[in-house]
PDB file of N, CA and C in Angstrom:
ATOM      1  N   MET A   1       0.764  -1.211  -0.023  1.00  0.00           N
ATOM      2  CA  MET A   1      -0.058   0.011   0.026  1.00  0.00           C
ATOM      3  C   MET A   1       0.913   1.237   0.071  1.00  0.00           C
ATOM      4  N   LYS A   2       0.536   2.120  -0.859  1.00  0.00           N
ATOM      5  CA  LYS A   2       1.159   3.502  -0.866  1.00  0.00           C
ATOM      6  C   LYS A   2       0.170   4.514  -0.665  1.00  0.00           C
ATOM      7  N   LEU A   3       0.485   5.511   0.239  1.00  0.00           N
ATOM      8  CA  LEU A   3      -0.394   6.487   0.592  1.00  0.00           C
ATOM      9  C   LEU A   3       0.200   7.799   0.175  1.00  0.00           C
ATOM     10  N   TYR A   4      -0.473   8.624  -0.467  1.00  0.00           N
ATOM     11  CA  TYR A   4       0.026   9.938  -1.049  1.00  0.00           C
ATOM     12  C   TYR A   4      -0.701  10.977  -0.332  1.00  0.00           C
ATOM     13  N   GLY A   5      -0.050  12.083   0.052  1.00  0.00           N
ATOM     14  CA  GLY A   5      -0.790  13.196   0.710  1.00  0.00           C
ATOM     15  C   GLY A   5       0.229  14.199   1.093  1.00  0.00           C
ATOM     16  N   ILE A   6      -0.210  15.164   2.123  1.00  0.00           N
ATOM     17  CA  ILE A   6       0.606  16.022   2.726  1.00  0.00           C
ATOM     18  C   ILE A   6       0.668  15.726   4.184  1.00  0.00           C
ATOM     19  N   ARG A   7       1.736  15.713   4.749  1.00  0.00           N
ATOM     20  CA  ARG A   7       2.115  15.311   6.067  1.00  0.00           C
ATOM     21  C   ARG A   7       1.332  15.963   7.027  1.00  0.00           C
ATOM     22  N   ASN A   8       0.910  17.365   7.045  1.00  0.00           N
ATOM     23  CA  ASN A   8       0.119  18.073   7.957  1.00  0.00           C
ATOM     24  C   ASN A   8      -1.298  18.241   7.724  1.00  0.00           C
ATOM     25  N   CYS A   9      -1.711  17.534   6.738  1.00  0.00           N
ATOM     26  CA  CYS A   9      -3.140  17.488   6.488  1.00  0.00           C
ATOM     27  C   CYS A   9      -3.864  16.723   7.443  1.00  0.00           C
ATOM     28  N   ASP A  10      -4.921  17.260   8.098  1.00  0.00           N
ATOM     29  CA  ASP A  10      -5.734  16.541   9.138  1.00  0.00           C
ATOM     30  C   ASP A  10      -6.219  15.266   8.651  1.00  0.00           C
ATOM     31  N   THR A  11      -6.812  15.063   7.392  1.00  0.00           N
ATOM     32  CA  THR A  11      -7.271  13.909   6.867  1.00  0.00           C
ATOM     33  C   THR A  11      -6.257  12.841   6.596  1.00  0.00           C
ATOM     34  N   VAL A  12      -5.156  13.231   6.248  1.00  0.00           N
ATOM     35  CA  VAL A  12      -4.057  12.322   5.977  1.00  0.00           C
ATOM     36  C   VAL A  12      -3.496  11.841   7.379  1.00  0.00           C
ATOM     37  N   LYS A  13      -3.619  12.707   8.489  1.00  0.00           N
ATOM     38  CA  LYS A  13      -3.108  12.313   9.813  1.00  0.00           C
ATOM     39  C   LYS A  13      -4.076  11.313  10.266  1.00  0.00           C
ATOM     40  N   LYS A  14      -5.389  11.497  10.052  1.00  0.00           N
ATOM     41  CA  LYS A  14      -6.352  10.458  10.555  1.00  0.00           C
ATOM     42  C   LYS A  14      -6.104   9.177   9.843  1.00  0.00           C
ATOM     43  N   ALA A  15      -5.988   9.260   8.574  1.00  0.00           N
ATOM     44  CA  ALA A  15      -5.719   8.008   7.704  1.00  0.00           C
ATOM     45  C   ALA A  15      -4.507   7.152   8.234  1.00  0.00           C
ATOM     46  N   ARG A  16      -3.427   7.916   8.442  1.00  0.00           N
ATOM     47  CA  ARG A  16      -2.107   7.321   8.885  1.00  0.00           C
ATOM     48  C   ARG A  16      -2.253   6.731  10.211  1.00  0.00           C
ATOM     49  N   LYS A  17      -3.065   7.450  11.155  1.00  0.00           N
ATOM     50  CA  LYS A  17      -3.272   6.843  12.425  1.00  0.00           C
ATOM     51  C   LYS A  17      -4.067   5.582  12.344  1.00  0.00           C
ATOM     52  N   TRP A  18      -5.163   5.667  11.627  1.00  0.00           N
ATOM     53  CA  TRP A  18      -5.966   4.420  11.520  1.00  0.00           C
ATOM     54  C   TRP A  18      -5.268   3.177  10.823  1.00  0.00           C
ATOM     55  N   LEU A  19      -4.414   3.532   9.933  1.00  0.00           N
ATOM     56  CA  LEU A  19      -3.637   2.341   9.466  1.00  0.00           C
ATOM     57  C   LEU A  19      -2.553   1.947  10.357  1.00  0.00           C
ATOM     58  N   ASP A  20      -1.996   2.670  11.203  1.00  0.00           N
ATOM     59  CA  ASP A  20      -1.112   2.334  12.343  1.00  0.00           C
ATOM     60  C   ASP A  20      -1.904   1.515  13.285  1.00  0.00           C
ATOM     61  N   GLU A  21      -3.039   1.911  13.697  1.00  0.00           N
ATOM     62  CA  GLU A  21      -3.892   1.255  14.685  1.00  0.00           C
ATOM     63  C   GLU A  21      -4.298  -0.169  14.202  1.00  0.00           C
ATOM     64  N   GLN A  22      -4.398  -0.290  12.717  1.00  0.00           N
ATOM     65  CA  GLN A  22      -4.906  -1.645  12.255  1.00  0.00           C
ATOM     66  C   GLN A  22      -3.508  -2.527  11.991  1.00  0.00           C
ATOM     67  N   GLY A  23      -2.346  -1.895  12.200  1.00  0.00           N
ATOM     68  CA  GLY A  23      -1.186  -2.665  11.990  1.00  0.00           C
ATOM     69  C   GLY A  23      -0.895  -2.963  10.458  1.00  0.00           C
ATOM     70  N   ILE A  24      -1.346  -2.027   9.693  1.00  0.00           N
ATOM     71  CA  ILE A  24      -1.180  -2.080   8.294  1.00  0.00           C
ATOM     72  C   ILE A  24       0.098  -1.389   7.825  1.00  0.00           C
ATOM     73  N   THR A  25       0.957  -2.086   7.075  1.00  0.00           N
ATOM     74  CA  THR A  25       2.181  -1.449   6.590  1.00  0.00           C
ATOM     75  C   THR A  25       1.880  -0.657   5.381  1.00  0.00           C
ATOM     76  N   TYR A  26       2.375   0.589   5.228  1.00  0.00           N
ATOM     77  CA  TYR A  26       2.193   1.340   4.042  1.00  0.00           C
ATOM     78  C   TYR A  26       3.528   2.266   4.024  1.00  0.00           C
ATOM     79  N   GLU A  27       3.610   2.745   2.741  1.00  0.00           N
ATOM     80  CA  GLU A  27       4.707   3.552   2.227  1.00  0.00           C
ATOM     81  C   GLU A  27       3.913   5.026   2.102  1.00  0.00           C
ATOM     82  N   PHE A  28       4.609   6.022   2.722  1.00  0.00           N
ATOM     83  CA  PHE A  28       4.020   7.380   2.745  1.00  0.00           C
ATOM     84  C   PHE A  28       4.798   8.239   1.666  1.00  0.00           C
ATOM     85  N   HIS A  29       4.006   8.898   0.828  1.00  0.00           N
ATOM     86  CA  HIS A  29       4.677   9.820  -0.034  1.00  0.00           C
ATOM     87  C   HIS A  29       4.157  11.342   0.136  1.00  0.00           C
ATOM     88  N   ASP A  30       4.900  12.148   0.595  1.00  0.00           N
ATOM     89  CA  ASP A  30       4.358  13.492   0.827  1.00  0.00           C
ATOM     90  C   ASP A  30       4.717  14.314  -0.406  1.00  0.00           C
ATOM     91  N   PHE A  31       3.693  14.495  -1.246  1.00  0.00           N
ATOM     92  CA  PHE A  31       3.797  15.234  -2.447  1.00  0.00           C
ATOM     93  C   PHE A  31       4.056  16.748  -2.282  1.00  0.00           C
ATOM     94  N   LYS A  32       3.842  17.256  -1.191  1.00  0.00           N
ATOM     95  CA  LYS A  32       4.228  18.635  -1.014  1.00  0.00           C
ATOM     96  C   LYS A  32       5.839  18.690  -0.920  1.00  0.00           C
ATOM     97  N   LYS A  33       6.436  17.814  -0.309  1.00  0.00           N
ATOM     98  CA  LYS A  33       7.873  17.798  -0.178  1.00  0.00           C
ATOM     99  C   LYS A  33       8.437  17.010  -1.246  1.00  0.00           C
ATOM    100  N   GLU A  34       7.996  15.859  -1.721  1.00  0.00           N
ATOM    101  CA  GLU A  34       8.668  15.047  -2.658  1.00  0.00           C
ATOM    102  C   GLU A  34       8.148  15.198  -4.041  1.00  0.00           C
ATOM    103  N   GLY A  35       7.225  16.069  -4.264  1.00  0.00           N
ATOM    104  CA  GLY A  35       6.630  16.388  -5.614  1.00  0.00           C
ATOM    105  C   GLY A  35       5.705  15.249  -6.146  1.00  0.00           C
ATOM    106  N   LEU A  36       5.209  15.478  -7.212  1.00  0.00           N
ATOM    107  CA  LEU A  36       4.299  14.583  -7.892  1.00  0.00           C
ATOM    108  C   LEU A  36       4.697  14.324  -9.365  1.00  0.00           C
ATOM    109  N   ASP A  37       4.952  13.137  -9.730  1.00  0.00           N
ATOM    110  CA  ASP A  37       5.228  12.740 -11.031  1.00  0.00           C
ATOM    111  C   ASP A  37       4.026  13.038 -12.021  1.00  0.00           C
ATOM    112  N   GLU A  38       4.281  13.687 -13.086  1.00  0.00           N
ATOM    113  CA  GLU A  38       3.060  13.705 -14.106  1.00  0.00           C
ATOM    114  C   GLU A  38       2.464  12.567 -14.492  1.00  0.00           C
ATOM    115  N   ASN A  39       3.259  11.391 -14.769  1.00  0.00           N
ATOM    116  CA  ASN A  39       2.779  10.143 -15.210  1.00  0.00           C
ATOM    117  C   ASN A  39       1.846   9.543 -14.098  1.00  0.00           C
ATOM    118  N   ARG A  40       2.247   9.664 -12.722  1.00  0.00           N
ATOM    119  CA  ARG A  40       1.450   9.163 -11.667  1.00  0.00           C
ATOM    120  C   ARG A  40       0.107   9.889 -11.640  1.00  0.00           C
ATOM    121  N   LEU A  41      -0.015  11.372 -11.716  1.00  0.00           N
ATOM    122  CA  LEU A  41      -1.130  12.059 -11.702  1.00  0.00           C
ATOM    123  C   LEU A  41      -1.979  11.616 -12.891  1.00  0.00           C
ATOM    124  N   SER A  42      -1.442  11.428 -14.122  1.00  0.00           N
ATOM    125  CA  SER A  42      -2.249  10.843 -15.260  1.00  0.00           C
ATOM    126  C   SER A  42      -2.850   9.401 -14.952  1.00  0.00           C
ATOM    127  N   GLN A  43      -2.209   8.629 -14.289  1.00  0.00           N
ATOM    128  CA  GLN A  43      -2.691   7.312 -13.938  1.00  0.00           C
ATOM    129  C   GLN A  43      -3.862   7.416 -13.002  1.00  0.00           C
ATOM    130  N   TRP A  44      -3.606   8.364 -11.998  1.00  0.00           N
ATOM    131  CA  TRP A  44      -4.915   8.539 -11.137  1.00  0.00           C
ATOM    132  C   TRP A  44      -5.967   9.191 -11.880  1.00  0.00           C
ATOM    133  N   GLU A  45      -5.799  10.194 -12.950  1.00  0.00           N
ATOM    134  CA  GLU A  45      -6.975  10.622 -13.513  1.00  0.00           C
ATOM    135  C   GLU A  45      -7.600   9.633 -14.305  1.00  0.00           C
ATOM    136  N   LYS A  46      -6.758   8.741 -14.912  1.00  0.00           N
ATOM    137  CA  LYS A  46      -7.463   7.573 -15.715  1.00  0.00           C
ATOM    138  C   LYS A  46      -8.367   6.752 -14.799  1.00  0.00           C
ATOM    139  N   ALA A  47      -7.852   6.419 -13.526  1.00  0.00           N
ATOM    140  CA  ALA A  47      -8.523   5.522 -12.650  1.00  0.00           C
ATOM    141  C   ALA A  47      -9.590   6.156 -11.910  1.00  0.00           C
ATOM    142  N   VAL A  48      -9.620   7.296 -11.491  1.00  0.00           N
ATOM    143  CA  VAL A  48     -10.788   7.982 -10.754  1.00  0.00           C
ATOM    144  C   VAL A  48     -11.320   9.189 -11.433  1.00  0.00           C
ATOM    145  N   GLY A  49     -10.817   9.743 -12.487  1.00  0.00           N
ATOM    146  CA  GLY A  49     -11.188  10.948 -13.016  1.00  0.00           C
ATOM    147  C   GLY A  49     -10.766  12.168 -12.286  1.00  0.00           C
ATOM    148  N   TRP A  50     -10.425  13.209 -13.051  1.00  0.00           N
ATOM    149  CA  TRP A  50      -9.821  14.414 -12.491  1.00  0.00           C
ATOM    150  C   TRP A  50     -10.834  15.146 -11.616  1.00  0.00           C
ATOM    151  N   GLU A  51     -12.154  15.004 -11.802  1.00  0.00           N
ATOM    152  CA  GLU A  51     -13.167  15.687 -10.970  1.00  0.00           C
ATOM    153  C   GLU A  51     -13.062  15.205  -9.618  1.00  0.00           C
ATOM    154  N   THR A  52     -12.709  13.774  -9.470  1.00  0.00           N
ATOM    155  CA  THR A  52     -12.600  13.180  -8.143  1.00  0.00           C
ATOM    156  C   THR A  52     -11.328  13.671  -7.343  1.00  0.00           C
ATOM    157  N   LEU A  53     -10.279  13.946  -8.053  1.00  0.00           N
ATOM    158  CA  LEU A  53      -8.945  14.273  -7.502  1.00  0.00           C
ATOM    159  C   LEU A  53      -8.996  15.678  -7.271  1.00  0.00           C
ATOM    160  N   LEU A  54      -9.815  16.596  -7.861  1.00  0.00           N
ATOM    161  CA  LEU A  54      -9.639  18.061  -7.645  1.00  0.00           C
ATOM    162  C   LEU A  54     -10.452  18.389  -6.331  1.00  0.00           C
ATOM    163  N   ASN A  55      -9.825  18.986  -5.334  1.00  0.00           N
ATOM    164  CA  ASN A  55     -10.548  19.294  -4.099  1.00  0.00           C
ATOM    165  C   ASN A  55     -11.057  20.677  -4.293  1.00  0.00           C
ATOM    166  N   ARG A  56     -12.466  20.798  -4.485  1.00  0.00           N
ATOM    167  CA  ARG A  56     -13.081  22.133  -4.699  1.00  0.00           C
ATOM    168  C   ARG A  56     -13.536  22.779  -3.344  1.00  0.00           C
ATOM    169  N   ARG A  57     -13.183  22.052  -2.305  1.00  0.00           N
ATOM    170  CA  ARG A  57     -13.616  22.550  -0.885  1.00  0.00           C
ATOM    171  C   ARG A  57     -12.486  23.241  -0.161  1.00  0.00           C
ATOM    172  N   GLY A  58     -11.210  23.259  -0.678  1.00  0.00           N
ATOM    173  CA  GLY A  58     -10.171  23.851   0.127  1.00  0.00           C
ATOM    174  C   GLY A  58      -9.759  25.185  -0.264  1.00  0.00           C
ATOM    175  N   THR A  59      -8.882  25.747   0.538  1.00  0.00           N
ATOM    176  CA  THR A  59      -8.559  27.125   0.241  1.00  0.00           C
ATOM    177  C   THR A  59      -7.767  27.398  -1.009  1.00  0.00           C
ATOM    178  N   THR A  60      -7.036  26.298  -1.446  1.00  0.00           N
ATOM    179  CA  THR A  60      -6.404  26.517  -2.770  1.00  0.00           C
ATOM    180  C   THR A  60      -7.285  26.689  -3.876  1.00  0.00           C
ATOM    181  N   TRP A  61      -8.458  25.859  -3.885  1.00  0.00           N
ATOM    182  CA  TRP A  61      -9.448  26.129  -4.923  1.00  0.00           C
ATOM    183  C   TRP A  61     -10.089  27.543  -4.947  1.00  0.00           C
ATOM    184  N   ARG A  62     -10.341  27.972  -3.626  1.00  0.00           N
ATOM    185  CA  ARG A  62     -11.072  29.213  -3.561  1.00  0.00           C
ATOM    186  C   ARG A  62     -10.108  30.377  -3.784  1.00  0.00           C
ATOM    187  N   LYS A  63      -8.875  30.276  -3.890  1.00  0.00           N
ATOM    188  CA  LYS A  63      -7.865  31.323  -4.295  1.00  0.00           C
ATOM    189  C   LYS A  63      -7.620  31.394  -5.809  1.00  0.00           C
ATOM    190  N   LEU A  64      -8.163  30.402  -6.471  1.00  0.00           N
ATOM    191  CA  LEU A  64      -8.159  30.519  -7.947  1.00  0.00           C
ATOM    192  C   LEU A  64      -9.159  31.589  -8.428  1.00  0.00           C
ATOM    193  N   SER A  65      -8.880  32.245  -9.589  1.00  0.00           N
ATOM    194  CA  SER A  65      -9.601  33.241 -10.039  1.00  0.00           C
ATOM    195  C   SER A  65     -10.988  32.765 -10.490  1.00  0.00           C
ATOM    196  N   ASP A  66     -12.050  33.533 -10.468  1.00  0.00           N
ATOM    197  CA  ASP A  66     -13.354  32.997 -10.879  1.00  0.00           C
ATOM    198  C   ASP A  66     -13.296  32.420 -12.301  1.00  0.00           C
ATOM    199  N   GLU A  67     -12.558  33.173 -13.206  1.00  0.00           N
ATOM    200  CA  GLU A  67     -12.418  32.637 -14.556  1.00  0.00           C
ATOM    201  C   GLU A  67     -11.812  31.308 -14.673  1.00  0.00           C
ATOM    202  N   VAL A  68     -10.697  31.032 -13.944  1.00  0.00           N
ATOM    203  CA  VAL A  68     -10.117  29.623 -13.896  1.00  0.00           C
ATOM    204  C   VAL A  68     -11.082  28.650 -13.323  1.00  0.00           C
ATOM    205  N   ARG A  69     -11.755  29.004 -12.249  1.00  0.00           N
ATOM    206  CA  ARG A  69     -12.755  27.914 -11.709  1.00  0.00           C
ATOM    207  C   ARG A  69     -13.917  27.773 -12.649  1.00  0.00           C
ATOM    208  N   ASP A  70     -14.446  28.725 -13.217  1.00  0.00           N
ATOM    209  CA  ASP A  70     -15.574  28.597 -14.167  1.00  0.00           C
ATOM    210  C   ASP A  70     -15.222  27.850 -15.496  1.00  0.00           C
ATOM    211  N   THR A  71     -13.901  27.843 -15.849  1.00  0.00           N
ATOM    212  CA  THR A  71     -13.641  27.227 -17.135  1.00  0.00           C
ATOM    213  C   THR A  71     -12.914  26.046 -17.012  1.00  0.00           C
ATOM    214  N   ILE A  72     -12.769  25.365 -15.806  1.00  0.00           N
ATOM    215  CA  ILE A  72     -11.950  24.247 -15.404  1.00  0.00           C
ATOM    216  C   ILE A  72     -12.215  23.085 -16.475  1.00  0.00           C
ATOM    217  N   SER A  73     -11.150  22.544 -16.810  1.00  0.00           N
ATOM    218  CA  SER A  73     -11.402  21.268 -17.829  1.00  0.00           C
ATOM    219  C   SER A  73     -10.314  20.237 -17.306  1.00  0.00           C
ATOM    220  N   ALA A  74     -10.409  19.209 -18.022  1.00  0.00           N
ATOM    221  CA  ALA A  74      -9.502  18.109 -17.652  1.00  0.00           C
ATOM    222  C   ALA A  74      -8.045  18.623 -17.724  1.00  0.00           C
ATOM    223  N   GLN A  75      -7.687  19.327 -18.767  1.00  0.00           N
ATOM    224  CA  GLN A  75      -6.304  19.805 -19.067  1.00  0.00           C
ATOM    225  C   GLN A  75      -5.858  20.742 -18.034  1.00  0.00           C
ATOM    226  N   SER A  76      -6.810  21.768 -17.837  1.00  0.00           N
ATOM    227  CA  SER A  76      -6.419  22.759 -16.872  1.00  0.00           C
ATOM    228  C   SER A  76      -6.293  22.386 -15.354  1.00  0.00           C
ATOM    229  N   ALA A  77      -7.208  21.399 -15.197  1.00  0.00           N
ATOM    230  CA  ALA A  77      -7.197  20.670 -13.742  1.00  0.00           C
ATOM    231  C   ALA A  77      -5.978  20.027 -13.637  1.00  0.00           C
ATOM    232  N   HIS A  78      -5.396  19.280 -14.671  1.00  0.00           N
ATOM    233  CA  HIS A  78      -4.248  18.480 -14.585  1.00  0.00           C
ATOM    234  C   HIS A  78      -2.997  19.518 -14.345  1.00  0.00           C
ATOM    235  N   ASP A  79      -3.049  20.593 -15.172  1.00  0.00           N
ATOM    236  CA  ASP A  79      -1.905  21.527 -15.064  1.00  0.00           C
ATOM    237  C   ASP A  79      -1.850  22.149 -13.561  1.00  0.00           C
ATOM    238  N   ILE A  80      -3.078  22.418 -13.057  1.00  0.00           N
ATOM    239  CA  ILE A  80      -3.102  23.035 -11.701  1.00  0.00           C
ATOM    240  C   ILE A  80      -2.793  22.095 -10.704  1.00  0.00           C
ATOM    241  N   MET A  81      -3.158  20.873 -10.773  1.00  0.00           N
ATOM    242  CA  MET A  81      -2.737  19.832  -9.787  1.00  0.00           C
ATOM    243  C   MET A  81      -1.350  19.572  -9.774  1.00  0.00           C
ATOM    244  N   LEU A  82      -0.782  19.533 -10.981  1.00  0.00           N
ATOM    245  CA  LEU A  82       0.826  19.257 -11.127  1.00  0.00           C
ATOM    246  C   LEU A  82       1.550  20.502 -10.398  1.00  0.00           C
ATOM    247  N   GLU A  83       1.059  21.775 -10.679  1.00  0.00           N
ATOM    248  CA  GLU A  83       1.761  23.001 -10.281  1.00  0.00           C
ATOM    249  C   GLU A  83       1.471  23.117  -8.768  1.00  0.00           C
ATOM    250  N   ASN A  84       0.302  22.796  -8.231  1.00  0.00           N
ATOM    251  CA  ASN A  84      -0.087  23.052  -6.818  1.00  0.00           C
ATOM    252  C   ASN A  84      -0.644  21.781  -6.208  1.00  0.00           C
ATOM    253  N   THR A  85       0.046  20.868  -5.744  1.00  0.00           N
ATOM    254  CA  THR A  85      -0.475  19.676  -5.271  1.00  0.00           C
ATOM    255  C   THR A  85      -1.450  19.756  -4.133  1.00  0.00           C
ATOM    256  N   SER A  86      -1.390  20.934  -3.444  1.00  0.00           N
ATOM    257  CA  SER A  86      -2.373  21.228  -2.314  1.00  0.00           C
ATOM    258  C   SER A  86      -3.805  21.175  -2.683  1.00  0.00           C
ATOM    259  N   ILE A  87      -3.997  21.347  -4.088  1.00  0.00           N
ATOM    260  CA  ILE A  87      -5.484  21.278  -4.678  1.00  0.00           C
ATOM    261  C   ILE A  87      -5.935  19.867  -4.804  1.00  0.00           C
ATOM    262  N   ILE A  88      -5.057  18.833  -4.618  1.00  0.00           N
ATOM    263  CA  ILE A  88      -5.525  17.406  -4.882  1.00  0.00           C
ATOM    264  C   ILE A  88      -6.104  16.981  -3.522  1.00  0.00           C
ATOM    265  N   LYS A  89      -7.344  16.385  -3.674  1.00  0.00           N
ATOM    266  CA  LYS A  89      -7.944  15.636  -2.581  1.00  0.00           C
ATOM    267  C   LYS A  89      -7.043  14.611  -1.935  1.00  0.00           C
ATOM    268  N   ARG A  90      -7.191  14.617  -0.583  1.00  0.00           N
ATOM    269  CA  ARG A  90      -6.252  13.728   0.041  1.00  0.00           C
ATOM    270  C   ARG A  90      -6.837  12.881   1.146  1.00  0.00           C
ATOM    271  N   PRO A  91      -6.430  11.692   1.405  1.00  0.00           N
ATOM    272  CA  PRO A  91      -5.124  11.096   0.805  1.00  0.00           C
ATOM    273  C   PRO A  91      -5.520  10.337  -0.426  1.00  0.00           C
ATOM    274  N   ILE A  92      -4.548   9.880  -1.103  1.00  0.00           N
ATOM    275  CA  ILE A  92      -4.756   9.042  -2.305  1.00  0.00           C
ATOM    276  C   ILE A  92      -3.794   7.877  -1.988  1.00  0.00           C
ATOM    277  N   VAL A  93      -4.578   6.598  -2.134  1.00  0.00           N
ATOM    278  CA  VAL A  93      -3.991   5.263  -1.859  1.00  0.00           C
ATOM    279  C   VAL A  93      -3.979   4.528  -3.033  1.00  0.00           C
ATOM    280  N   GLU A  94      -2.739   3.838  -3.292  1.00  0.00           N
ATOM    281  CA  GLU A  94      -2.606   2.922  -4.327  1.00  0.00           C
ATOM    282  C   GLU A  94      -2.632   1.585  -3.647  1.00  0.00           C
ATOM    283  N   TYR A  95      -3.541   0.648  -3.897  1.00  0.00           N
ATOM    284  CA  TYR A  95      -3.654  -0.656  -3.158  1.00  0.00           C
ATOM    285  C   TYR A  95      -4.103  -1.660  -4.138  1.00  0.00           C
ATOM    286  N   TYR A  96      -3.244  -2.721  -4.294  1.00  0.00           N
ATOM    287  CA  TYR A  96      -3.559  -3.789  -5.298  1.00  0.00           C
ATOM    288  C   TYR A  96      -4.006  -3.310  -6.623  1.00  0.00           C
ATOM    289  N   SER A  97      -3.180  -2.416  -7.212  1.00  0.00           N
ATOM    290  CA  SER A  97      -3.495  -1.812  -8.503  1.00  0.00           C
ATOM    291  C   SER A  97      -4.831  -0.931  -8.623  1.00  0.00           C
ATOM    292  N   ALA A  98      -5.415  -0.615  -7.589  1.00  0.00           N
ATOM    293  CA  ALA A  98      -6.551   0.260  -7.547  1.00  0.00           C
ATOM    294  C   ALA A  98      -6.151   1.639  -6.859  1.00  0.00           C
ATOM    295  N   VAL A  99      -6.913   2.635  -7.134  1.00  0.00           N
ATOM    296  CA  VAL A  99      -6.710   3.897  -6.649  1.00  0.00           C
ATOM    297  C   VAL A  99      -7.840   4.361  -5.848  1.00  0.00           C
ATOM    298  N   TYR A 100      -7.653   4.860  -4.513  1.00  0.00           N
ATOM    299  CA  TYR A 100      -8.703   5.336  -3.764  1.00  0.00           C
ATOM    300  C   TYR A 100      -8.462   6.743  -3.264  1.00  0.00           C
ATOM    301  N   VAL A 101      -9.429   7.605  -3.166  1.00  0.00           N
ATOM    302  CA  VAL A 101      -9.319   9.001  -2.919  1.00  0.00           C
ATOM    303  C   VAL A 101     -10.135   9.307  -1.587  1.00  0.00           C
ATOM    304  N   GLY A 102      -9.467  10.046  -0.681  1.00  0.00           N
ATOM    305  CA  GLY A 102     -10.026  10.334   0.571  1.00  0.00           C
ATOM    306  C   GLY A 102     -10.049   9.298   1.535  1.00  0.00           C
ATOM    307  N   PHE A 103     -10.633   9.677   2.921  1.00  0.00           N
ATOM    308  CA  PHE A 103     -10.400   8.628   3.894  1.00  0.00           C
ATOM    309  C   PHE A 103     -11.801   8.456   4.487  1.00  0.00           C
ATOM    310  N   ASN A 104     -12.276   7.225   4.554  1.00  0.00           N
ATOM    311  CA  ASN A 104     -13.405   6.756   5.375  1.00  0.00           C
ATOM    312  C   ASN A 104     -13.053   5.383   5.883  1.00  0.00           C
ATOM    313  N   ALA A 105     -12.986   5.333   7.281  1.00  0.00           N
ATOM    314  CA  ALA A 105     -12.563   4.182   8.061  1.00  0.00           C
ATOM    315  C   ALA A 105     -13.369   2.946   7.524  1.00  0.00           C
ATOM    316  N   ASP A 106     -14.622   2.891   7.534  1.00  0.00           N
ATOM    317  CA  ASP A 106     -15.389   1.881   7.027  1.00  0.00           C
ATOM    318  C   ASP A 106     -15.157   1.306   5.667  1.00  0.00           C
ATOM    319  N   ASP A 107     -14.942   2.262   4.753  1.00  0.00           N
ATOM    320  CA  ASP A 107     -14.723   2.004   3.381  1.00  0.00           C
ATOM    321  C   ASP A 107     -13.321   1.264   3.296  1.00  0.00           C
ATOM    322  N   TRP A 108     -12.399   1.888   4.019  1.00  0.00           N
ATOM    323  CA  TRP A 108     -11.045   1.300   4.002  1.00  0.00           C
ATOM    324  C   TRP A 108     -11.034  -0.066   4.615  1.00  0.00           C
ATOM    325  N   ALA A 109     -11.701  -0.268   5.557  1.00  0.00           N
ATOM    326  CA  ALA A 109     -11.765  -1.670   6.273  1.00  0.00           C
ATOM    327  C   ALA A 109     -12.371  -2.638   5.417  1.00  0.00           C
ATOM    328  N   ALA A 110     -13.410  -2.244   4.552  1.00  0.00           N
ATOM    329  CA  ALA A 110     -14.116  -3.243   3.583  1.00  0.00           C
ATOM    330  C   ALA A 110     -12.954  -3.466   2.446  1.00  0.00           C
ATOM    331  N   ILE A 111     -12.247  -2.359   2.032  1.00  0.00           N
ATOM    332  CA  ILE A 111     -11.290  -2.690   1.007  1.00  0.00           C
ATOM    333  C   ILE A 111     -10.197  -3.567   1.354  1.00  0.00           C
ATOM    334  N   ILE A 112      -9.659  -3.364   2.456  1.00  0.00           N
ATOM    335  CA  ILE A 112      -8.522  -4.221   3.063  1.00  0.00           C
ATOM    336  C   ILE A 112      -9.010  -5.605   3.393  1.00  0.00           C
ATOM    337  N   LYS A 113     -10.372  -5.919   3.898  1.00  0.00           N
ATOM    338  CA  LYS A 113     -10.756  -7.185   4.176  1.00  0.00           C
ATOM    339  C   LYS A 113     -10.951  -7.932   2.809  1.00  0.00           C
ATOM    340  N   LYS A 114     -11.393  -7.289   1.838  1.00  0.00           N
ATOM    341  CA  LYS A 114     -11.585  -7.943   0.510  1.00  0.00           C
ATOM    342  C   LYS A 114     -10.134  -8.522   0.095  1.00  0.00           C
ATOM    343  N   HIS A 115      -8.968  -8.052   0.382  1.00  0.00           N
ATOM    344  CA  HIS A 115      -7.636  -8.443  -0.065  1.00  0.00           C
ATOM    345  C   HIS A 115      -6.929  -9.344   0.907  1.00  0.00           C
ATOM    346  N   HIS A 116      -7.698  -9.586   2.102  1.00  0.00           N
ATOM    347  CA  HIS A 116      -6.996 -10.500   3.102  1.00  0.00           C
ATOM    348  C   HIS A 116      -7.663 -11.752   3.426  1.00  0.00           C
TER     349      HIS A 116
END
């Protein structure tokens, strides 16, 4: 399991704490510090769609101009997410060749149970 996010994000902290409590081993990639590879972002977009990845609730989204927000497209969203990883919904988990976005303990427990 590989978990992507930003170390000081509250949701990422909850997810990591939950994984630790379950005794689940994972690798953490802080894309704020370690960056995000364009190919990885493209894989996520193919797996879950750019709309799922784009966090429209955060301050980064609200800081974008109205024009950018009103004309957002797959390409512009891709460029914005690469340029400013804070706008990506977190955490993102790669697990058994699937991609999951966000954290919900019940959903994660079901996903993990399916593979064990």
